Amino acid sequence: MKFDLPSFLLGYGAGAGTVLLGKRLRPLLLELATVVYRFTDSVMAKAAVKQEDFEDLLAEARARARRRPERGNGHAEA
């Protein structure tokens, strides 16, 4: 395999640039990850509340469906 100096220098420069740039980008990436986690936690909390509301609705519907109909003239009394 032939050694190609320009390719070697390009690869070395890319690696060194990544290390140097990575140290400077770390605070930005940390802040971005924090925002993403906060957003995800917020969405998950809201989804849990909505799921609980939905389960309550289904439980109420199930209770109504299993309730025996009242005997009488067929009219609901208030």
Protein backbone atom coordinates (compact mmCIF):
# COMPACT_ATOMS: atom_id res chain seq x y z
CA MET A 1 0.00 0.00 0.00
CA LYS A 2 1.37 3.37 -0.98
CA PHE A 3 1.75 6.09 1.65
CA ASP A 4 -0.02 9.25 0.56
CA LEU A 5 1.24 12.29 2.50
CA PRO A 6 -1.68 14.65 1.66
CA SER A 7 -4.22 12.05 2.82
CA PHE A 8 -2.22 11.44 5.99
CA LEU A 9 -2.04 15.17 6.76
CA LEU A 10 -5.75 15.60 6.04
CA GLY A 11 -6.63 12.74 8.41
CA TYR A 12 -4.24 13.95 11.08
CA GLY A 13 -5.64 17.50 10.81
CA ALA A 14 -9.21 16.21 11.05
CA GLY A 15 -8.37 14.20 14.16
CA ALA A 16 -6.51 17.05 15.83
CA GLY A 17 -9.26 19.49 14.92
CA THR A 18 -11.87 17.20 16.41
CA VAL A 19 -9.99 17.00 19.71
CA LEU A 20 -9.43 20.76 19.90
CA LEU A 21 -12.93 21.64 18.75
CA GLY A 22 -14.43 19.00 21.04
CA LYS A 23 -13.01 20.69 24.11
CA ARG A 24 -14.54 24.01 23.08
CA LEU A 25 -17.88 22.50 22.06
CA ARG A 26 -18.33 20.48 25.25
CA PRO A 27 -20.17 23.24 27.18
CA LEU A 28 -22.49 23.81 24.22
CA LEU A 29 -23.18 20.10 23.83
CA LEU A 30 -23.75 19.79 27.58
CA GLU A 31 -26.28 22.62 27.51
CA LEU A 32 -28.01 21.12 24.48
CA ALA A 33 -28.24 17.71 26.17
CA THR A 34 -29.65 19.37 29.31
CA VAL A 35 -32.36 21.11 27.28
CA VAL A 36 -33.24 17.84 25.53
CA TYR A 37 -33.50 15.97 28.86
CA ARG A 38 -35.68 18.70 30.39
CA PHE A 39 -37.96 18.66 27.35
CA THR A 40 -38.17 14.87 27.42
CA ASP A 41 -38.97 14.85 31.14
CA SER A 42 -41.67 17.47 30.60
CA VAL A 43 -43.26 15.51 27.75
CA MET A 44 -43.14 12.27 29.74
CA ALA A 45 -44.78 13.91 32.76
CA LYS A 46 -47.56 15.37 30.61
CA ALA A 47 -48.06 12.02 28.88
CA ALA A 48 -48.36 10.28 32.25
CA VAL A 49 -51.06 12.74 33.36
CA LYS A 50 -52.95 12.29 30.08
CA GLN A 51 -52.67 8.51 30.37
CA GLU A 52 -54.07 8.65 33.89
CA ASP A 53 -56.96 10.83 32.71
CA PHE A 54 -57.66 8.38 29.90
CA GLU A 55 -57.59 5.42 32.28
CA ASP A 56 -60.02 7.24 34.59
CA LEU A 57 -62.35 7.82 31.64
CA LEU A 58 -62.20 4.15 30.65
CA ALA A 59 -62.84 3.03 34.23
CA GLU A 60 -65.89 5.28 34.44
CA ALA A 61 -67.18 3.95 31.11
CA ARG A 62 -66.63 0.36 32.29
CA ALA A 63 -68.52 1.09 35.52
CA ARG A 64 -71.42 2.58 33.58
CA ALA A 65 -71.50 -0.33 31.16
CA ARG A 66 -71.60 -2.90 33.99
CA ARG A 67 -74.20 -1.05 36.03
CA ARG A 68 -77.54 -2.81 35.98
CA PRO A 69 -80.26 -0.80 34.30
CA GLU A 70 -82.81 0.57 36.68
CA ARG A 71 -86.26 -0.99 36.57
CA GLY A 72 -89.08 1.35 35.96
CA ASN A 73 -90.56 3.30 33.15
CA GLY A 74 -87.31 3.65 31.25
CA HIS A 75 -86.82 7.30 32.15
CA ALA A 76 -83.88 8.40 34.22
CA GLU A 77 -84.83 10.22 37.38
CA ALA A 78 -82.95 13.32 38.35
